[in-house]
Amino acid sequence: MKALQPKTTHGQKAAASDLAERHRRVSAPRRRPAGLPKEEFARPQRQSLRASQGWRWLRIIGVLGAVSLVVVGLISAYRVFASSSLFALREIEWRGIVRASQDEMERALRERTSEGLWRADLRELRQTLKRYPWVREAEVVRVLPDKLLVTIHEREPLALARRSNGALVWVDRDGVVLGERLQFGQEMIPPLLSGLDENNDEAASEANRRRLLLYQQLLAELDQGERRLSGMVDEVELSDPQDVRLWLASRRLLVVVGERDFRPRLEAALKVLSAIERKDLSALSLLKVSDARRLINGGRVAYLNTTRPDRVIVGLAQ
């Protein structure tokens, strides 16, 4: 037997036909009536599009305004929070201070953290501390809510330097002046250093750092052997690092040693001086010293130049 199919009534057919017709009219492109200008026909469509775009921009502006209000509110809340008395600096723990003035540095830190520890610029605080003569490096750690941990790496006196005005001052390995001679009660004072650049610019600072490195190298070479020779030197002149000059402590005599081989050259000069004191003409001849007889007969030595590999040049006083 065939399955029974539901019968479609005349009313249902009419409703379906009407629905299809309306869908066709809506989907069909709109036609411009005869005699109506094209601009007049498109105006309602443009007006509708403009209205839609206007509402869209209004919604965007509204959203941006709301976001701006939220951001401003958050910034205001952060400022109030960061400036709260909860983050006021109450304690500074210092480490590494021996000679630097703790009181002066603490006052400077408190002045720069008056708006609260939360908002403090740690890099600026480090630079503030490094402006003090004794501070070579500084570490600043924020310990919330109200504490700073400060570690100071101090400069160490390296050499006693003679200034152009004759004053004697202690300098560190960077050539930074730390204080006058009497400020430190050191028992062992290394040879004086002269010839540092006294200008206050970066070029002078860099040049002095190189001079101080050369000064340390020279002293290390002089003390490498069994006999420490640095104690025989009263002053090291480094105005020209390629023409290093030593002043002997015993007789204030100048020895030119150049830029290298400091110990062998000083030893050669000392051999010549010893032969002169002994009036040993044969030894002076072996050392290829000119005017040896004059030296033995009382000629006064003005300087010794040891930069030549074959012999020591002895300069006589006029």
C-alpha atoms as a PDB file:
ATOM      1  CA  MET A   1       0.000   0.000   0.000  1.00  0.00           C
ATOM      2  CA  LYS A   2       1.259   3.531  -0.714  1.00  0.00           C
ATOM      3  CA  ALA A   3       1.944   5.812   2.232  1.00  0.00           C
ATOM      4  CA  LEU A   4      -0.581   8.530   2.627  1.00  0.00           C
ATOM      5  CA  GLN A   5       0.757  12.008   1.708  1.00  0.00           C
ATOM      6  CA  PRO A   6      -0.542  15.076   3.530  1.00  0.00           C
ATOM      7  CA  LYS A   7      -2.778  17.121   1.285  1.00  0.00           C
ATOM      8  CA  THR A   8      -1.941  20.766   0.611  1.00  0.00           C
ATOM      9  CA  THR A   9      -4.920  23.047   0.886  1.00  0.00           C
ATOM     10  CA  HIS A  10      -5.583  25.971  -1.411  1.00  0.00           C
ATOM     11  CA  GLY A  11      -4.910  28.432   1.433  1.00  0.00           C
ATOM     12  CA  GLN A  12      -1.479  27.018   2.138  1.00  0.00           C
ATOM     13  CA  LYS A  13      -0.520  27.274  -1.513  1.00  0.00           C
ATOM     14  CA  ALA A  14      -1.586  30.910  -1.631  1.00  0.00           C
ATOM     15  CA  ALA A  15       0.443  31.790   1.505  1.00  0.00           C
ATOM     16  CA  ALA A  16       3.556  30.150   0.122  1.00  0.00           C
ATOM     17  CA  SER A  17       3.198  31.953  -3.175  1.00  0.00           C
ATOM     18  CA  ASP A  18       2.782  35.317  -1.411  1.00  0.00           C
ATOM     19  CA  LEU A  19       5.920  34.705   0.710  1.00  0.00           C
ATOM     20  CA  ALA A  20       8.011  33.856  -2.350  1.00  0.00           C
ATOM     21  CA  GLU A  21       6.849  37.004  -4.133  1.00  0.00           C
ATOM     22  CA  ARG A  22       7.788  39.244  -1.193  1.00  0.00           C
ATOM     23  CA  HIS A  23      11.223  37.628  -0.987  1.00  0.00           C
ATOM     24  CA  ARG A  24      11.740  38.303  -4.691  1.00  0.00           C
ATOM     25  CA  ARG A  25      10.807  41.953  -4.334  1.00  0.00           C
ATOM     26  CA  VAL A  26      13.148  42.467  -1.387  1.00  0.00           C
ATOM     27  CA  SER A  27      16.075  40.669  -3.041  1.00  0.00           C
ATOM     28  CA  ALA A  28      15.701  42.335  -6.405  1.00  0.00           C
ATOM     29  CA  PRO A  29      17.849  45.450  -6.984  1.00  0.00           C
ATOM     30  CA  ARG A  30      16.044  48.701  -6.633  1.00  0.00           C
ATOM     31  CA  ARG A  31      15.248  50.281 -10.006  1.00  0.00           C
ATOM     32  CA  ARG A  32      15.299  53.984 -10.669  1.00  0.00           C
ATOM     33  CA  PRO A  33      11.880  55.198 -11.886  1.00  0.00           C
ATOM     34  CA  ALA A  34      11.795  56.736 -15.323  1.00  0.00           C
ATOM     35  CA  GLY A  35      12.358  60.494 -15.281  1.00  0.00           C
ATOM     36  CA  LEU A  36      13.922  60.537 -11.775  1.00  0.00           C
ATOM     37  CA  PRO A  37      17.499  61.952 -11.829  1.00  0.00           C
ATOM     38  CA  LYS A  38      20.227  59.572 -10.737  1.00  0.00           C
ATOM     39  CA  GLU A  39      21.367  61.927  -7.925  1.00  0.00           C
ATOM     40  CA  GLU A  40      17.825  62.104  -6.473  1.00  0.00           C
ATOM     41  CA  PHE A  41      17.488  58.329  -6.693  1.00  0.00           C
ATOM     42  CA  ALA A  42      20.857  57.704  -4.798  1.00  0.00           C
ATOM     43  CA  ARG A  43      20.360  60.436  -2.137  1.00  0.00           C
ATOM     44  CA  PRO A  44      18.280  58.320   0.306  1.00  0.00           C
ATOM     45  CA  GLN A  45      20.854  55.531   0.102  1.00  0.00           C
ATOM     46  CA  ARG A  46      23.732  57.943   0.882  1.00  0.00           C
ATOM     47  CA  GLN A  47      21.804  59.502   3.736  1.00  0.00           C
ATOM     48  CA  SER A  48      21.120  56.073   5.198  1.00  0.00           C
ATOM     49  CA  LEU A  49      24.813  55.117   4.882  1.00  0.00           C
ATOM     50  CA  ARG A  50      25.927  58.372   6.510  1.00  0.00           C
ATOM     51  CA  ALA A  51      23.572  57.889   9.382  1.00  0.00           C
ATOM     52  CA  SER A  52      24.905  54.362   9.923  1.00  0.00           C
ATOM     53  CA  GLN A  53      28.499  55.565   9.866  1.00  0.00           C
ATOM     54  CA  GLY A  54      27.687  58.425  12.239  1.00  0.00           C
ATOM     55  CA  TRP A  55      26.226  56.046  14.810  1.00  0.00           C
ATOM     56  CA  ARG A  56      29.274  53.821  14.466  1.00  0.00           C
ATOM     57  CA  TRP A  57      31.664  56.722  15.158  1.00  0.00           C
ATOM     58  CA  LEU A  58      29.572  57.789  18.121  1.00  0.00           C
ATOM     59  CA  ARG A  59      29.882  54.305  19.568  1.00  0.00           C
ATOM     60  CA  ILE A  60      33.686  54.318  19.002  1.00  0.00           C
ATOM     61  CA  ILE A  61      34.061  57.736  20.627  1.00  0.00           C
ATOM     62  CA  GLY A  62      31.970  56.580  23.556  1.00  0.00           C
ATOM     63  CA  VAL A  63      34.137  53.494  24.067  1.00  0.00           C
ATOM     64  CA  LEU A  64      37.363  55.546  23.821  1.00  0.00           C
ATOM     65  CA  GLY A  65      36.016  58.057  26.308  1.00  0.00           C
ATOM     66  CA  ALA A  66      35.175  55.313  28.764  1.00  0.00           C
ATOM     67  CA  VAL A  67      38.641  53.774  28.369  1.00  0.00           C
ATOM     68  CA  SER A  68      40.287  57.188  28.891  1.00  0.00           C
ATOM     69  CA  LEU A  69      38.339  57.696  32.086  1.00  0.00           C
ATOM     70  CA  VAL A  70      39.453  54.306  33.348  1.00  0.00           C
ATOM     71  CA  VAL A  71      43.119  55.042  32.507  1.00  0.00           C
ATOM     72  CA  VAL A  72      43.006  58.455  34.188  1.00  0.00           C
ATOM     73  CA  GLY A  73      41.422  56.874  37.227  1.00  0.00           C
ATOM     74  CA  LEU A  74      44.116  54.203  37.399  1.00  0.00           C
ATOM     75  CA  ILE A  75      46.910  56.785  37.067  1.00  0.00           C
ATOM     76  CA  SER A  76      45.382  58.913  39.811  1.00  0.00           C
ATOM     77  CA  ALA A  77      44.986  55.888  42.034  1.00  0.00           C
ATOM     78  CA  TYR A  78      48.625  54.877  41.380  1.00  0.00           C
ATOM     79  CA  ARG A  79      49.884  58.343  42.288  1.00  0.00           C
ATOM     80  CA  VAL A  80      47.925  58.351  45.496  1.00  0.00           C
ATOM     81  CA  PHE A  81      49.124  54.824  46.280  1.00  0.00           C
ATOM     82  CA  ALA A  82      52.781  55.542  45.440  1.00  0.00           C
ATOM     83  CA  SER A  83      52.806  58.752  47.507  1.00  0.00           C
ATOM     84  CA  SER A  84      51.220  57.064  50.478  1.00  0.00           C
ATOM     85  CA  SER A  85      52.976  57.404  53.821  1.00  0.00           C
ATOM     86  CA  LEU A  86      53.278  53.625  53.738  1.00  0.00           C
ATOM     87  CA  PHE A  87      56.269  54.053  51.372  1.00  0.00           C
ATOM     88  CA  ALA A  88      57.966  56.927  53.202  1.00  0.00           C
ATOM     89  CA  LEU A  89      61.693  56.195  53.667  1.00  0.00           C
ATOM     90  CA  ARG A  90      62.287  55.261  57.286  1.00  0.00           C
ATOM     91  CA  GLU A  91      65.506  53.255  57.255  1.00  0.00           C
ATOM     92  CA  ILE A  92      68.762  53.129  55.265  1.00  0.00           C
ATOM     93  CA  GLU A  93      71.087  50.195  55.825  1.00  0.00           C
ATOM     94  CA  TRP A  94      74.678  51.077  54.842  1.00  0.00           C
ATOM     95  CA  ARG A  95      77.426  48.634  53.883  1.00  0.00           C
ATOM     96  CA  GLY A  96      81.048  49.146  52.900  1.00  0.00           C
ATOM     97  CA  ILE A  97      81.589  52.642  54.329  1.00  0.00           C
ATOM     98  CA  VAL A  98      85.033  53.298  55.826  1.00  0.00           C
ATOM     99  CA  ARG A  99      86.030  56.854  54.862  1.00  0.00           C
ATOM    100  CA  ALA A 100      83.025  58.313  53.011  1.00  0.00           C
ATOM    101  CA  SER A 101      80.662  60.648  54.877  1.00  0.00           C
ATOM    102  CA  GLN A 102      77.545  58.636  55.695  1.00  0.00           C
ATOM    103  CA  ASP A 103      75.644  61.629  57.100  1.00  0.00           C
ATOM    104  CA  GLU A 104      76.051  63.701  53.909  1.00  0.00           C
ATOM    105  CA  MET A 105      75.007  60.831  51.656  1.00  0.00           C
ATOM    106  CA  GLU A 106      72.001  59.969  53.819  1.00  0.00           C
ATOM    107  CA  ARG A 107      70.721  63.554  53.672  1.00  0.00           C
ATOM    108  CA  ALA A 108      71.038  63.483  49.878  1.00  0.00           C
ATOM    109  CA  LEU A 109      69.088  60.214  49.617  1.00  0.00           C
ATOM    110  CA  ARG A 110      66.274  61.433  51.859  1.00  0.00           C
ATOM    111  CA  GLU A 111      65.911  64.622  49.816  1.00  0.00           C
ATOM    112  CA  ARG A 112      65.521  62.587  46.631  1.00  0.00           C
ATOM    113  CA  THR A 113      62.980  60.166  48.095  1.00  0.00           C
ATOM    114  CA  SER A 114      60.637  62.756  49.573  1.00  0.00           C
ATOM    115  CA  GLU A 115      57.748  61.570  47.335  1.00  0.00           C
ATOM    116  CA  GLY A 116      57.958  58.016  48.572  1.00  0.00           C
ATOM    117  CA  LEU A 117      60.204  55.027  48.156  1.00  0.00           C
ATOM    118  CA  TRP A 118      57.905  53.427  45.558  1.00  0.00           C
ATOM    119  CA  ARG A 119      58.483  56.281  43.095  1.00  0.00           C
ATOM    120  CA  ALA A 120      62.212  56.699  43.791  1.00  0.00           C
ATOM    121  CA  ASP A 121      64.529  56.435  40.778  1.00  0.00           C
ATOM    122  CA  LEU A 122      67.230  54.009  41.902  1.00  0.00           C
ATOM    123  CA  ARG A 123      69.514  54.898  39.007  1.00  0.00           C
ATOM    124  CA  GLU A 124      69.399  58.565  39.971  1.00  0.00           C
ATOM    125  CA  LEU A 125      70.155  57.653  43.586  1.00  0.00           C
ATOM    126  CA  ARG A 126      73.238  55.694  42.464  1.00  0.00           C
ATOM    127  CA  GLN A 127      74.493  58.619  40.401  1.00  0.00           C
ATOM    128  CA  THR A 128      73.945  60.941  43.360  1.00  0.00           C
ATOM    129  CA  LEU A 129      76.133  58.771  45.593  1.00  0.00           C
ATOM    130  CA  LYS A 130      78.862  58.465  42.950  1.00  0.00           C
ATOM    131  CA  ARG A 131      79.347  62.245  42.982  1.00  0.00           C
ATOM    132  CA  TYR A 132      81.048  61.965  46.385  1.00  0.00           C
ATOM    133  CA  PRO A 133      84.865  61.742  46.061  1.00  0.00           C
ATOM    134  CA  TRP A 134      85.284  58.532  48.048  1.00  0.00           C
ATOM    135  CA  VAL A 135      82.554  56.587  46.238  1.00  0.00           C
ATOM    136  CA  ARG A 136      83.817  54.573  43.268  1.00  0.00           C
ATOM    137  CA  GLU A 137      80.606  52.530  42.839  1.00  0.00           C
ATOM    138  CA  ALA A 138      77.286  52.274  44.674  1.00  0.00           C
ATOM    139  CA  GLU A 139      74.503  49.700  44.766  1.00  0.00           C
ATOM    140  CA  VAL A 140      70.997  50.756  45.855  1.00  0.00           C
ATOM    141  CA  VAL A 141      68.270  48.189  46.535  1.00  0.00           C
ATOM    142  CA  ARG A 142      64.661  49.081  47.394  1.00  0.00           C
ATOM    143  CA  VAL A 143      63.263  46.979  50.242  1.00  0.00           C
ATOM    144  CA  LEU A 144      59.548  47.808  50.358  1.00  0.00           C
ATOM    145  CA  PRO A 145      57.750  49.340  51.994  1.00  0.00           C
ATOM    146  CA  ASP A 146      60.174  51.756  53.737  1.00  0.00           C
ATOM    147  CA  LYS A 147      63.841  50.700  53.522  1.00  0.00           C
ATOM    148  CA  LEU A 148      66.887  51.176  51.282  1.00  0.00           C
ATOM    149  CA  LEU A 149      69.888  48.858  51.246  1.00  0.00           C
ATOM    150  CA  VAL A 150      72.991  50.776  50.103  1.00  0.00           C
ATOM    151  CA  THR A 151      76.380  49.172  49.421  1.00  0.00           C
ATOM    152  CA  ILE A 152      79.323  51.525  48.872  1.00  0.00           C
ATOM    153  CA  HIS A 153      82.504  50.489  47.065  1.00  0.00           C
ATOM    154  CA  GLU A 154      85.056  53.058  48.173  1.00  0.00           C
ATOM    155  CA  ARG A 155      88.096  54.312  46.358  1.00  0.00           C
ATOM    156  CA  GLU A 156      91.451  53.181  47.713  1.00  0.00           C
ATOM    157  CA  PRO A 157      94.522  55.467  47.965  1.00  0.00           C
ATOM    158  CA  LEU A 158      97.071  54.204  45.432  1.00  0.00           C
ATOM    159  CA  ALA A 159      99.738  56.860  45.039  1.00  0.00           C
ATOM    160  CA  LEU A 160     100.877  60.096  46.559  1.00  0.00           C
ATOM    161  CA  ALA A 161     100.862  62.567  43.668  1.00  0.00           C
ATOM    162  CA  ARG A 162     102.673  65.861  43.330  1.00  0.00           C
ATOM    163  CA  ARG A 163     100.460  68.614  41.936  1.00  0.00           C
ATOM    164  CA  SER A 164     101.697  71.462  39.732  1.00  0.00           C
ATOM    165  CA  ASN A 165     101.543  73.814  42.751  1.00  0.00           C
ATOM    166  CA  GLY A 166     103.760  71.474  44.792  1.00  0.00           C
ATOM    167  CA  ALA A 167     100.988  70.052  46.982  1.00  0.00           C
ATOM    168  CA  LEU A 168     101.049  66.322  47.739  1.00  0.00           C
ATOM    169  CA  VAL A 169      97.685  64.553  47.469  1.00  0.00           C
ATOM    170  CA  TRP A 170      96.533  60.954  47.502  1.00  0.00           C
ATOM    171  CA  VAL A 171      94.918  59.646  44.316  1.00  0.00           C
ATOM    172  CA  ASP A 172      93.210  56.352  43.533  1.00  0.00           C
ATOM    173  CA  ARG A 173      93.648  54.105  40.483  1.00  0.00           C
ATOM    174  CA  ASP A 174      91.494  56.474  38.386  1.00  0.00           C
ATOM    175  CA  GLY A 175      93.532  59.532  39.332  1.00  0.00           C
ATOM    176  CA  VAL A 176      90.747  60.931  41.536  1.00  0.00           C
ATOM    177  CA  VAL A 177      92.106  63.184  44.289  1.00  0.00           C
ATOM    178  CA  LEU A 178      91.129  61.799  47.692  1.00  0.00           C
ATOM    179  CA  GLY A 179      92.870  64.096  50.150  1.00  0.00           C
ATOM    180  CA  GLU A 180      96.131  65.650  51.233  1.00  0.00           C
ATOM    181  CA  ARG A 181      99.150  63.679  52.364  1.00  0.00           C
ATOM    182  CA  LEU A 182      98.602  64.079  56.104  1.00  0.00           C
ATOM    183  CA  GLN A 183      95.020  62.799  55.871  1.00  0.00           C
ATOM    184  CA  PHE A 184      96.180  59.170  55.844  1.00  0.00           C
ATOM    185  CA  GLY A 185      98.633  57.659  58.261  1.00  0.00           C
ATOM    186  CA  GLN A 186     100.095  55.014  55.988  1.00  0.00           C
ATOM    187  CA  GLU A 187     103.421  53.580  57.104  1.00  0.00           C
ATOM    188  CA  MET A 188     104.636  52.474  53.671  1.00  0.00           C
ATOM    189  CA  ILE A 189     104.445  55.285  51.132  1.00  0.00           C
ATOM    190  CA  PRO A 190     105.208  54.282  47.515  1.00  0.00           C
ATOM    191  CA  PRO A 191     107.315  56.519  45.251  1.00  0.00           C
ATOM    192  CA  LEU A 192     105.787  59.898  44.527  1.00  0.00           C
ATOM    193  CA  LEU A 193     103.920  60.274  41.255  1.00  0.00           C
ATOM    194  CA  SER A 194     104.021  63.419  39.125  1.00  0.00           C
ATOM    195  CA  GLY A 195     102.797  64.388  35.686  1.00  0.00           C
ATOM    196  CA  LEU A 196      99.062  63.722  36.063  1.00  0.00           C
ATOM    197  CA  ASP A 197      96.682  65.775  33.923  1.00  0.00           C
ATOM    198  CA  GLU A 198      94.896  68.212  36.254  1.00  0.00           C
ATOM    199  CA  ASN A 199      92.063  69.136  33.859  1.00  0.00           C
ATOM    200  CA  ASN A 200      88.534  68.184  34.890  1.00  0.00           C
ATOM    201  CA  ASP A 201      87.278  66.470  31.749  1.00  0.00           C
ATOM    202  CA  GLU A 202      86.826  62.884  30.559  1.00  0.00           C
ATOM    203  CA  ALA A 203      89.887  62.982  28.310  1.00  0.00           C
ATOM    204  CA  ALA A 204      92.101  63.924  31.264  1.00  0.00           C
ATOM    205  CA  SER A 205      90.497  61.230  33.429  1.00  0.00           C
ATOM    206  CA  GLU A 206      91.113  58.552  30.804  1.00  0.00           C
ATOM    207  CA  ALA A 207      94.727  59.672  30.322  1.00  0.00           C
ATOM    208  CA  ASN A 208      95.309  59.557  34.087  1.00  0.00           C
ATOM    209  CA  ARG A 209      93.843  56.058  34.319  1.00  0.00           C
ATOM    210  CA  ARG A 210      96.413  54.911  31.760  1.00  0.00           C
ATOM    211  CA  ARG A 211      99.184  56.642  33.704  1.00  0.00           C
ATOM    212  CA  LEU A 212      98.138  54.932  36.933  1.00  0.00           C
ATOM    213  CA  LEU A 213      98.143  51.546  35.212  1.00  0.00           C
ATOM    214  CA  LEU A 214     101.657  52.238  33.939  1.00  0.00           C
ATOM    215  CA  TYR A 215     102.703  53.344  37.433  1.00  0.00           C
ATOM    216  CA  GLN A 216     101.518  50.046  38.923  1.00  0.00           C
ATOM    217  CA  GLN A 217     103.225  48.084  36.143  1.00  0.00           C
ATOM    218  CA  LEU A 218     106.492  49.932  36.744  1.00  0.00           C
ATOM    219  CA  LEU A 219     106.500  49.259  40.503  1.00  0.00           C
ATOM    220  CA  ALA A 220     105.636  45.603  39.937  1.00  0.00           C
ATOM    221  CA  GLU A 221     108.564  45.211  37.518  1.00  0.00           C
ATOM    222  CA  LEU A 222     111.000  46.956  39.837  1.00  0.00           C
ATOM    223  CA  ASP A 223     110.127  44.521  42.633  1.00  0.00           C
ATOM    224  CA  GLN A 224     110.169  41.289  40.613  1.00  0.00           C
ATOM    225  CA  GLY A 225     113.717  40.212  41.482  1.00  0.00           C
ATOM    226  CA  GLU A 226     115.335  39.234  44.769  1.00  0.00           C
ATOM    227  CA  ARG A 227     116.152  42.866  45.433  1.00  0.00           C
ATOM    228  CA  ARG A 228     113.231  45.281  45.580  1.00  0.00           C
ATOM    229  CA  LEU A 229     114.227  48.362  43.618  1.00  0.00           C
ATOM    230  CA  SER A 230     111.103  50.474  44.135  1.00  0.00           C
ATOM    231  CA  GLY A 231     112.494  51.634  47.481  1.00  0.00           C
ATOM    232  CA  MET A 232     115.389  53.296  45.666  1.00  0.00           C
ATOM    233  CA  VAL A 233     113.012  55.508  43.668  1.00  0.00           C
ATOM    234  CA  ASP A 234     111.820  58.752  45.205  1.00  0.00           C
ATOM    235  CA  GLU A 235     109.553  59.939  42.388  1.00  0.00           C
ATOM    236  CA  VAL A 236     108.097  58.655  39.099  1.00  0.00           C
ATOM    237  CA  GLU A 237     107.435  61.277  36.423  1.00  0.00           C
ATOM    238  CA  LEU A 238     104.696  60.252  33.949  1.00  0.00           C
ATOM    239  CA  SER A 239     103.907  63.477  32.119  1.00  0.00           C
ATOM    240  CA  ASP A 240     104.946  61.570  28.962  1.00  0.00           C
ATOM    241  CA  PRO A 241     104.103  57.842  29.339  1.00  0.00           C
ATOM    242  CA  GLN A 242     106.549  57.024  26.521  1.00  0.00           C
ATOM    243  CA  ASP A 243     109.390  58.766  28.325  1.00  0.00           C
ATOM    244  CA  VAL A 244     109.150  57.613  31.944  1.00  0.00           C
ATOM    245  CA  ARG A 245     111.631  59.257  34.300  1.00  0.00           C
ATOM    246  CA  LEU A 246     112.727  58.131  37.740  1.00  0.00           C
ATOM    247  CA  TRP A 247     114.230  60.302  40.455  1.00  0.00           C
ATOM    248  CA  LEU A 248     116.501  58.305  42.732  1.00  0.00           C
ATOM    249  CA  ALA A 249     115.995  58.747  46.455  1.00  0.00           C
ATOM    250  CA  SER A 250     119.681  58.664  47.439  1.00  0.00           C
ATOM    251  CA  ARG A 251     120.912  61.684  45.516  1.00  0.00           C
ATOM    252  CA  ARG A 252     117.890  63.109  43.687  1.00  0.00           C
ATOM    253  CA  LEU A 253     119.335  61.968  40.394  1.00  0.00           C
ATOM    254  CA  LEU A 254     117.275  61.597  37.204  1.00  0.00           C
ATOM    255  CA  VAL A 255     117.211  58.267  35.354  1.00  0.00           C
ATOM    256  CA  VAL A 256     115.401  58.112  31.990  1.00  0.00           C
ATOM    257  CA  VAL A 257     113.970  54.603  31.442  1.00  0.00           C
ATOM    258  CA  GLY A 258     111.576  55.182  28.543  1.00  0.00           C
ATOM    259  CA  GLU A 259     108.421  53.081  28.150  1.00  0.00           C
ATOM    260  CA  ARG A 260     109.514  49.481  28.865  1.00  0.00           C
ATOM    261  CA  ASP A 261     112.129  47.198  30.460  1.00  0.00           C
ATOM    262  CA  PHE A 262     112.036  49.311  33.597  1.00  0.00           C
ATOM    263  CA  ARG A 263     113.982  47.000  35.927  1.00  0.00           C
ATOM    264  CA  PRO A 264     116.875  46.116  33.543  1.00  0.00           C
ATOM    265  CA  ARG A 265     117.319  49.760  32.628  1.00  0.00           C
ATOM    266  CA  LEU A 266     117.347  50.909  36.238  1.00  0.00           C
ATOM    267  CA  GLU A 267     119.821  48.137  37.115  1.00  0.00           C
ATOM    268  CA  ALA A 268     122.110  49.351  34.315  1.00  0.00           C
ATOM    269  CA  ALA A 269     121.996  52.899  35.694  1.00  0.00           C
ATOM    270  CA  LEU A 270     122.769  51.651  39.202  1.00  0.00           C
ATOM    271  CA  LYS A 271     125.824  49.730  37.909  1.00  0.00           C
ATOM    272  CA  VAL A 272     127.187  52.914  36.331  1.00  0.00           C
ATOM    273  CA  LEU A 273     126.654  54.900  39.519  1.00  0.00           C
ATOM    274  CA  SER A 274     128.338  52.199  41.569  1.00  0.00           C
ATOM    275  CA  ALA A 275     131.395  52.220  39.266  1.00  0.00           C
ATOM    276  CA  ILE A 276     131.593  56.024  39.507  1.00  0.00           C
ATOM    277  CA  GLU A 277     131.495  55.869  43.307  1.00  0.00           C
ATOM    278  CA  ARG A 278     134.274  53.227  43.308  1.00  0.00           C
ATOM    279  CA  LYS A 279     136.225  55.241  40.734  1.00  0.00           C
ATOM    280  CA  ASP A 280     136.476  52.040  38.718  1.00  0.00           C
ATOM    281  CA  LEU A 281     137.711  53.167  35.321  1.00  0.00           C
ATOM    282  CA  SER A 282     137.812  49.666  33.855  1.00  0.00           C
ATOM    283  CA  ALA A 283     134.202  48.977  34.824  1.00  0.00           C
ATOM    284  CA  LEU A 284     133.116  52.248  33.246  1.00  0.00           C
ATOM    285  CA  SER A 285     134.972  51.323  30.100  1.00  0.00           C
ATOM    286  CA  LEU A 286     133.199  47.948  29.964  1.00  0.00           C
ATOM    287  CA  LEU A 287     129.892  49.761  30.413  1.00  0.00           C
ATOM    288  CA  LYS A 288     130.854  52.013  27.444  1.00  0.00           C
ATOM    289  CA  VAL A 289     130.495  55.176  29.488  1.00  0.00           C
ATOM    290  CA  SER A 290     131.976  58.210  27.762  1.00  0.00           C
ATOM    291  CA  ASP A 291     133.895  60.816  29.790  1.00  0.00           C
ATOM    292  CA  ALA A 292     134.732  58.088  32.319  1.00  0.00           C
ATOM    293  CA  ARG A 293     137.952  59.784  33.424  1.00  0.00           C
ATOM    294  CA  ARG A 294     136.145  63.056  33.974  1.00  0.00           C
ATOM    295  CA  LEU A 295     133.544  61.277  36.098  1.00  0.00           C
ATOM    296  CA  ILE A 296     136.225  59.703  38.244  1.00  0.00           C
ATOM    297  CA  ASN A 297     137.945  63.068  38.671  1.00  0.00           C
ATOM    298  CA  GLY A 298     134.837  64.602  40.212  1.00  0.00           C
ATOM    299  CA  GLY A 299     132.504  65.370  37.340  1.00  0.00           C
ATOM    300  CA  ARG A 300     128.946  65.716  38.632  1.00  0.00           C
ATOM    301  CA  VAL A 301     126.263  63.543  37.042  1.00  0.00           C
ATOM    302  CA  ALA A 302     123.100  65.360  35.967  1.00  0.00           C
ATOM    303  CA  TYR A 303     121.165  62.411  34.533  1.00  0.00           C
ATOM    304  CA  LEU A 304     121.457  58.908  33.115  1.00  0.00           C
ATOM    305  CA  ASN A 305     119.659  57.838  29.965  1.00  0.00           C
ATOM    306  CA  THR A 306     119.203  54.055  29.759  1.00  0.00           C
ATOM    307  CA  THR A 307     116.939  53.848  26.703  1.00  0.00           C
ATOM    308  CA  ARG A 308     119.773  52.852  24.350  1.00  0.00           C
ATOM    309  CA  PRO A 309     120.328  49.073  24.228  1.00  0.00           C
ATOM    310  CA  ASP A 310     124.115  49.279  23.864  1.00  0.00           C
ATOM    311  CA  ARG A 311     125.126  51.673  26.642  1.00  0.00           C
ATOM    312  CA  VAL A 312     124.077  54.143  29.309  1.00  0.00           C
ATOM    313  CA  ILE A 313     124.402  57.791  28.408  1.00  0.00           C
ATOM    314  CA  VAL A 314     125.682  59.885  31.321  1.00  0.00           C
ATOM    315  CA  GLY A 315     124.857  63.556  31.259  1.00  0.00           C
ATOM    316  CA  LEU A 316     127.232  65.820  33.145  1.00  0.00           C
ATOM    317  CA  ALA A 317     126.274  69.006  34.936  1.00  0.00           C
ATOM    318  CA  GLN A 318     127.580  72.168  33.334  1.00  0.00           C
END
